[in-house]
Amino acid sequence: MTDIETARSYEFTRDLEQRFNETHREGKEFLDEFKRGAVLPRSFPQLFRGLAEDREFVYQSVNTGYRQFVGKDLSRDRLDELLLAFPGWTMYMAGWAHAMYNRAIKESGFGVKGKADPLDLHCSIYLPHCHVFVTDDRGQFAALRVLSRISPNKPRALLYSTFRTRLLNAILSRAISRHLRLTVAKH
């Protein structure tokens, strides 16, 4: 990587982290009000279902990004069509909801430490397009393991160490099986 590419990469990730943190700061007021007046969701799936049922919330959330990318508002009657055609939108929003739950709503163990960061969560858009997602980041693994249950194709999230062990076991098993077949064939 050149110095310019490194600088651009750094700027991109810094800006992404900054927007992520700003969104959570802005949402803090909403969350404080939410916590005062409502029963907190006991799990991320409960939060996600509640948010998904609020059609206005879903529309506004999708339309904000849609307007940024396309330059005009999304027609309300095309929302479901867009979400079905591009499941990455649902996964992207689910990643933000997951961060909100784990960083602010969860009654214990909440906070930033050990949780997936913005780039980790952006990877959730790939879940509908794969069967297995391998990562060596425990925070990302924890988040994507939960988010994969929302993905239409239900991919598996694996830690690299698990993937490596399974791969090596499969290779060894195949080699032993082949060796035994060759040994039996000789006798």
C-alpha atoms as a PDB file:
ATOM      1  CA  MET A   1       0.000   0.000   0.000  1.00  0.00           C
ATOM      2  CA  THR A   2       1.219   3.468  -0.807  1.00  0.00           C
ATOM      3  CA  ASP A   3       1.222   6.259   1.767  1.00  0.00           C
ATOM      4  CA  ILE A   4      -1.745   7.859  -0.003  1.00  0.00           C
ATOM      5  CA  GLU A   5      -3.732   4.581   0.049  1.00  0.00           C
ATOM      6  CA  THR A   6      -2.885   4.078   3.717  1.00  0.00           C
ATOM      7  CA  ALA A   7      -3.989   7.625   4.541  1.00  0.00           C
ATOM      8  CA  ARG A   8      -7.276   7.190   2.621  1.00  0.00           C
ATOM      9  CA  SER A   9      -7.934   3.873   4.325  1.00  0.00           C
ATOM     10  CA  TYR A  10      -7.291   5.452   7.712  1.00  0.00           C
ATOM     11  CA  GLU A  11      -9.582   8.399   6.884  1.00  0.00           C
ATOM     12  CA  PHE A  12     -12.330   6.043   5.739  1.00  0.00           C
ATOM     13  CA  THR A  13     -12.237   3.929   8.894  1.00  0.00           C
ATOM     14  CA  ARG A  14     -11.900   7.007  11.126  1.00  0.00           C
ATOM     15  CA  ASP A  15     -14.913   8.659   9.434  1.00  0.00           C
ATOM     16  CA  LEU A  16     -16.916   5.455   9.682  1.00  0.00           C
ATOM     17  CA  GLU A  17     -16.132   5.098  13.387  1.00  0.00           C
ATOM     18  CA  GLN A  18     -16.941   8.785  13.931  1.00  0.00           C
ATOM     19  CA  ARG A  19     -20.346   8.497  12.193  1.00  0.00           C
ATOM     20  CA  PHE A  20     -21.054   5.301  14.117  1.00  0.00           C
ATOM     21  CA  ASN A  21     -20.246   6.977  17.445  1.00  0.00           C
ATOM     22  CA  GLU A  22     -22.204  10.134  16.533  1.00  0.00           C
ATOM     23  CA  THR A  23     -25.243   8.057  15.681  1.00  0.00           C
ATOM     24  CA  HIS A  24     -25.018   6.323  19.037  1.00  0.00           C
ATOM     25  CA  ARG A  25     -24.527   9.626  20.852  1.00  0.00           C
ATOM     26  CA  GLU A  26     -27.546  11.125  19.082  1.00  0.00           C
ATOM     27  CA  GLY A  27     -29.494   7.996  19.872  1.00  0.00           C
ATOM     28  CA  LYS A  28     -28.554   8.230  23.559  1.00  0.00           C
ATOM     29  CA  GLU A  29     -31.292  10.800  24.189  1.00  0.00           C
ATOM     30  CA  PHE A  30     -33.808   8.520  22.484  1.00  0.00           C
ATOM     31  CA  LEU A  31     -32.514   5.514  24.414  1.00  0.00           C
ATOM     32  CA  ASP A  32     -32.646   7.350  27.746  1.00  0.00           C
ATOM     33  CA  GLU A  33     -36.274   8.256  27.025  1.00  0.00           C
ATOM     34  CA  PHE A  34     -36.923   4.720  25.816  1.00  0.00           C
ATOM     35  CA  LYS A  35     -35.436   3.274  29.009  1.00  0.00           C
ATOM     36  CA  ARG A  36     -37.551   5.591  31.205  1.00  0.00           C
ATOM     37  CA  GLY A  37     -40.871   4.851  29.618  1.00  0.00           C
ATOM     38  CA  ALA A  38     -40.689   1.383  28.193  1.00  0.00           C
ATOM     39  CA  VAL A  39     -39.928  -2.165  29.133  1.00  0.00           C
ATOM     40  CA  LEU A  40     -36.465  -2.944  27.816  1.00  0.00           C
ATOM     41  CA  PRO A  41     -36.186  -5.760  25.306  1.00  0.00           C
ATOM     42  CA  ARG A  42     -34.653  -8.789  26.997  1.00  0.00           C
ATOM     43  CA  SER A  43     -32.741  -9.852  23.898  1.00  0.00           C
ATOM     44  CA  PHE A  44     -31.515  -8.573  20.571  1.00  0.00           C
ATOM     45  CA  PRO A  45     -34.097 -10.647  18.632  1.00  0.00           C
ATOM     46  CA  GLN A  46     -36.853  -9.038  20.704  1.00  0.00           C
ATOM     47  CA  LEU A  47     -35.469  -5.558  19.924  1.00  0.00           C
ATOM     48  CA  PHE A  48     -35.100  -6.408  16.230  1.00  0.00           C
ATOM     49  CA  ARG A  49     -38.654  -7.744  15.966  1.00  0.00           C
ATOM     50  CA  GLY A  50     -39.979  -4.595  17.658  1.00  0.00           C
ATOM     51  CA  LEU A  51     -38.061  -2.312  15.315  1.00  0.00           C
ATOM     52  CA  ALA A  52     -39.006  -4.383  12.240  1.00  0.00           C
ATOM     53  CA  GLU A  53     -42.710  -4.117  13.129  1.00  0.00           C
ATOM     54  CA  ASP A  54     -42.481  -0.303  13.167  1.00  0.00           C
ATOM     55  CA  ARG A  55     -42.941   0.284   9.424  1.00  0.00           C
ATOM     56  CA  GLU A  56     -42.317   4.034   9.717  1.00  0.00           C
ATOM     57  CA  PHE A  57     -39.030   3.415  11.528  1.00  0.00           C
ATOM     58  CA  VAL A  58     -37.955   0.884   8.871  1.00  0.00           C
ATOM     59  CA  TYR A  59     -38.912   3.233   6.047  1.00  0.00           C
ATOM     60  CA  GLN A  60     -37.095   6.217   7.557  1.00  0.00           C
ATOM     61  CA  SER A  61     -33.996   4.124   8.309  1.00  0.00           C
ATOM     62  CA  VAL A  62     -33.799   2.695   4.791  1.00  0.00           C
ATOM     63  CA  ASN A  63     -34.772   5.945   3.088  1.00  0.00           C
ATOM     64  CA  THR A  64     -31.961   7.873   4.784  1.00  0.00           C
ATOM     65  CA  GLY A  65     -29.343   5.632   3.170  1.00  0.00           C
ATOM     66  CA  TYR A  66     -31.299   5.282  -0.062  1.00  0.00           C
ATOM     67  CA  ARG A  67     -31.456   9.068  -0.483  1.00  0.00           C
ATOM     68  CA  GLN A  68     -27.688   9.297   0.101  1.00  0.00           C
ATOM     69  CA  PHE A  69     -26.923   6.698  -2.576  1.00  0.00           C
ATOM     70  CA  VAL A  70     -29.640   7.399  -5.150  1.00  0.00           C
ATOM     71  CA  GLY A  71     -30.250  11.112  -4.644  1.00  0.00           C
ATOM     72  CA  LYS A  72     -34.012  10.869  -4.158  1.00  0.00           C
ATOM     73  CA  ASP A  73     -36.488   9.387  -1.706  1.00  0.00           C
ATOM     74  CA  LEU A  74     -37.569   5.770  -1.897  1.00  0.00           C
ATOM     75  CA  SER A  75     -41.225   5.306  -2.770  1.00  0.00           C
ATOM     76  CA  ARG A  76     -42.941   3.850   0.328  1.00  0.00           C
ATOM     77  CA  ASP A  77     -44.697   1.196  -1.726  1.00  0.00           C
ATOM     78  CA  ARG A  78     -41.298  -0.097  -2.946  1.00  0.00           C
ATOM     79  CA  LEU A  79     -39.805  -0.640   0.534  1.00  0.00           C
ATOM     80  CA  ASP A  80     -40.574  -4.372   0.752  1.00  0.00           C
ATOM     81  CA  GLU A  81     -39.439  -4.888  -2.848  1.00  0.00           C
ATOM     82  CA  LEU A  82     -36.097  -3.218  -2.050  1.00  0.00           C
ATOM     83  CA  LEU A  83     -35.567  -5.224   1.140  1.00  0.00           C
ATOM     84  CA  LEU A  84     -36.297  -8.502  -0.654  1.00  0.00           C
ATOM     85  CA  ALA A  85     -34.113  -7.646  -3.642  1.00  0.00           C
ATOM     86  CA  PHE A  86     -31.240  -6.392  -1.488  1.00  0.00           C
ATOM     87  CA  PRO A  87     -31.154  -8.310   1.821  1.00  0.00           C
ATOM     88  CA  GLY A  88     -27.944  -6.450   2.674  1.00  0.00           C
ATOM     89  CA  TRP A  89     -30.107  -3.463   3.679  1.00  0.00           C
ATOM     90  CA  THR A  90     -31.837  -5.542   6.337  1.00  0.00           C
ATOM     91  CA  MET A  91     -28.532  -6.963   7.519  1.00  0.00           C
ATOM     92  CA  TYR A  92     -26.958  -3.488   7.655  1.00  0.00           C
ATOM     93  CA  MET A  93     -29.810  -2.171   9.814  1.00  0.00           C
ATOM     94  CA  ALA A  94     -29.705  -5.317  11.945  1.00  0.00           C
ATOM     95  CA  GLY A  95     -25.986  -4.683  12.567  1.00  0.00           C
ATOM     96  CA  TRP A  96     -26.737  -1.174  13.849  1.00  0.00           C
ATOM     97  CA  ALA A  97     -29.572  -2.480  16.027  1.00  0.00           C
ATOM     98  CA  HIS A  98     -27.239  -5.159  17.382  1.00  0.00           C
ATOM     99  CA  ALA A  99     -24.682  -2.496  18.294  1.00  0.00           C
ATOM    100  CA  MET A 100     -27.382  -0.369  19.924  1.00  0.00           C
ATOM    101  CA  TYR A 101     -28.570  -3.325  21.986  1.00  0.00           C
ATOM    102  CA  ASN A 102     -25.096  -4.446  23.081  1.00  0.00           C
ATOM    103  CA  ARG A 103     -23.723  -0.979  23.714  1.00  0.00           C
ATOM    104  CA  ALA A 104     -26.689   0.694  25.393  1.00  0.00           C
ATOM    105  CA  ILE A 105     -29.863  -1.325  26.011  1.00  0.00           C
ATOM    106  CA  LYS A 106     -28.595  -4.640  27.367  1.00  0.00           C
ATOM    107  CA  GLU A 107     -29.010  -4.665  31.147  1.00  0.00           C
ATOM    108  CA  SER A 108     -25.619  -6.220  31.901  1.00  0.00           C
ATOM    109  CA  GLY A 109     -22.426  -6.593  29.931  1.00  0.00           C
ATOM    110  CA  PHE A 110     -23.198  -3.552  27.796  1.00  0.00           C
ATOM    111  CA  GLY A 111     -20.555  -1.183  26.468  1.00  0.00           C
ATOM    112  CA  VAL A 112     -17.971  -1.003  23.713  1.00  0.00           C
ATOM    113  CA  LYS A 113     -15.212  -3.304  24.999  1.00  0.00           C
ATOM    114  CA  GLY A 114     -15.108  -6.647  23.227  1.00  0.00           C
ATOM    115  CA  LYS A 115     -17.982  -5.718  20.904  1.00  0.00           C
ATOM    116  CA  ALA A 116     -17.988  -5.566  17.123  1.00  0.00           C
ATOM    117  CA  ASP A 117     -16.905  -2.206  15.700  1.00  0.00           C
ATOM    118  CA  PRO A 118     -18.521  -0.481  12.686  1.00  0.00           C
ATOM    119  CA  LEU A 119     -16.401  -2.278  10.079  1.00  0.00           C
ATOM    120  CA  ASP A 120     -17.125  -5.616  11.743  1.00  0.00           C
ATOM    121  CA  LEU A 121     -20.851  -4.901  11.604  1.00  0.00           C
ATOM    122  CA  HIS A 122     -20.741  -3.675   8.017  1.00  0.00           C
ATOM    123  CA  CYS A 123     -19.611  -7.185   7.110  1.00  0.00           C
ATOM    124  CA  SER A 124     -23.120  -8.363   7.987  1.00  0.00           C
ATOM    125  CA  ILE A 125     -24.189  -7.259   4.493  1.00  0.00           C
ATOM    126  CA  TYR A 126     -22.223 -10.243   3.138  1.00  0.00           C
ATOM    127  CA  LEU A 127     -24.146 -12.815   5.193  1.00  0.00           C
ATOM    128  CA  PRO A 128     -26.971 -13.259   2.640  1.00  0.00           C
ATOM    129  CA  HIS A 129     -24.328 -14.048   0.012  1.00  0.00           C
ATOM    130  CA  CYS A 130     -22.325 -16.763   1.764  1.00  0.00           C
ATOM    131  CA  HIS A 131     -22.726 -20.114   3.493  1.00  0.00           C
ATOM    132  CA  VAL A 132     -19.930 -19.651   6.011  1.00  0.00           C
ATOM    133  CA  PHE A 133     -18.339 -16.436   7.305  1.00  0.00           C
ATOM    134  CA  VAL A 134     -14.920 -16.976   8.917  1.00  0.00           C
ATOM    135  CA  THR A 135     -13.374 -14.377  11.215  1.00  0.00           C
ATOM    136  CA  ASP A 136     -10.606 -14.236  13.787  1.00  0.00           C
ATOM    137  CA  ASP A 137     -12.281 -11.352  15.665  1.00  0.00           C
ATOM    138  CA  ARG A 138     -14.299 -12.598  18.652  1.00  0.00           C
ATOM    139  CA  GLY A 139     -16.478  -9.463  18.819  1.00  0.00           C
ATOM    140  CA  GLN A 140     -17.328  -9.741  15.137  1.00  0.00           C
ATOM    141  CA  PHE A 141     -17.954 -13.479  15.493  1.00  0.00           C
ATOM    142  CA  ALA A 142     -20.379 -12.946  18.386  1.00  0.00           C
ATOM    143  CA  ALA A 143     -22.306 -10.303  16.443  1.00  0.00           C
ATOM    144  CA  LEU A 144     -22.391 -12.159  13.121  1.00  0.00           C
ATOM    145  CA  ARG A 145     -23.397 -15.417  14.791  1.00  0.00           C
ATOM    146  CA  VAL A 146     -26.542 -13.680  16.061  1.00  0.00           C
ATOM    147  CA  LEU A 147     -27.117 -11.687  12.855  1.00  0.00           C
ATOM    148  CA  SER A 148     -26.771 -14.789  10.675  1.00  0.00           C
ATOM    149  CA  ARG A 149     -30.076 -16.030  12.128  1.00  0.00           C
ATOM    150  CA  ILE A 150     -31.824 -13.065  10.487  1.00  0.00           C
ATOM    151  CA  SER A 151     -30.203 -13.623   7.100  1.00  0.00           C
ATOM    152  CA  PRO A 152     -32.493 -15.356   4.578  1.00  0.00           C
ATOM    153  CA  ASN A 153     -29.975 -18.162   3.914  1.00  0.00           C
ATOM    154  CA  LYS A 154     -28.928 -18.720   7.569  1.00  0.00           C
ATOM    155  CA  PRO A 155     -25.132 -18.839   7.017  1.00  0.00           C
ATOM    156  CA  ARG A 156     -22.778 -20.015   9.732  1.00  0.00           C
ATOM    157  CA  ALA A 157     -20.296 -17.733  11.428  1.00  0.00           C
ATOM    158  CA  LEU A 158     -17.106 -19.500  12.490  1.00  0.00           C
ATOM    159  CA  LEU A 159     -14.039 -18.416  14.354  1.00  0.00           C
ATOM    160  CA  TYR A 160     -10.888 -18.984  12.340  1.00  0.00           C
ATOM    161  CA  SER A 161      -9.566 -21.422  14.954  1.00  0.00           C
ATOM    162  CA  THR A 162     -12.705 -23.574  14.601  1.00  0.00           C
ATOM    163  CA  PHE A 163     -12.558 -23.398  10.807  1.00  0.00           C
ATOM    164  CA  ARG A 164      -8.862 -24.359  10.828  1.00  0.00           C
ATOM    165  CA  THR A 165      -9.419 -27.280  13.212  1.00  0.00           C
ATOM    166  CA  ARG A 166     -12.329 -28.622  11.154  1.00  0.00           C
ATOM    167  CA  LEU A 167     -10.389 -28.225   7.929  1.00  0.00           C
ATOM    168  CA  LEU A 168      -7.326 -30.009   9.322  1.00  0.00           C
ATOM    169  CA  ASN A 169      -9.502 -32.777  10.787  1.00  0.00           C
ATOM    170  CA  ALA A 170     -11.196 -33.267   7.416  1.00  0.00           C
ATOM    171  CA  ILE A 171      -7.835 -33.410   5.630  1.00  0.00           C
ATOM    172  CA  LEU A 172      -6.427 -35.863   8.190  1.00  0.00           C
ATOM    173  CA  SER A 173      -9.559 -37.996   8.096  1.00  0.00           C
ATOM    174  CA  ARG A 174      -9.446 -38.168   4.312  1.00  0.00           C
ATOM    175  CA  ALA A 175      -5.704 -38.983   4.350  1.00  0.00           C
ATOM    176  CA  ILE A 176      -6.175 -41.740   6.960  1.00  0.00           C
ATOM    177  CA  SER A 177      -9.135 -43.167   5.050  1.00  0.00           C
ATOM    178  CA  ARG A 178      -7.129 -43.166   1.810  1.00  0.00           C
ATOM    179  CA  HIS A 179      -4.145 -44.761   3.568  1.00  0.00           C
ATOM    180  CA  LEU A 180      -6.364 -47.500   5.031  1.00  0.00           C
ATOM    181  CA  ARG A 181      -7.932 -48.193   1.611  1.00  0.00           C
ATOM    182  CA  LEU A 182      -4.472 -48.463   0.060  1.00  0.00           C
ATOM    183  CA  THR A 183      -3.262 -50.719   2.871  1.00  0.00           C
ATOM    184  CA  VAL A 184      -6.294 -53.020   2.568  1.00  0.00           C
ATOM    185  CA  ALA A 185      -5.967 -53.106  -1.232  1.00  0.00           C
ATOM    186  CA  LYS A 186      -2.335 -54.257  -0.957  1.00  0.00           C
ATOM    187  CA  HIS A 187      -3.243 -57.179   1.283  1.00  0.00           C
END
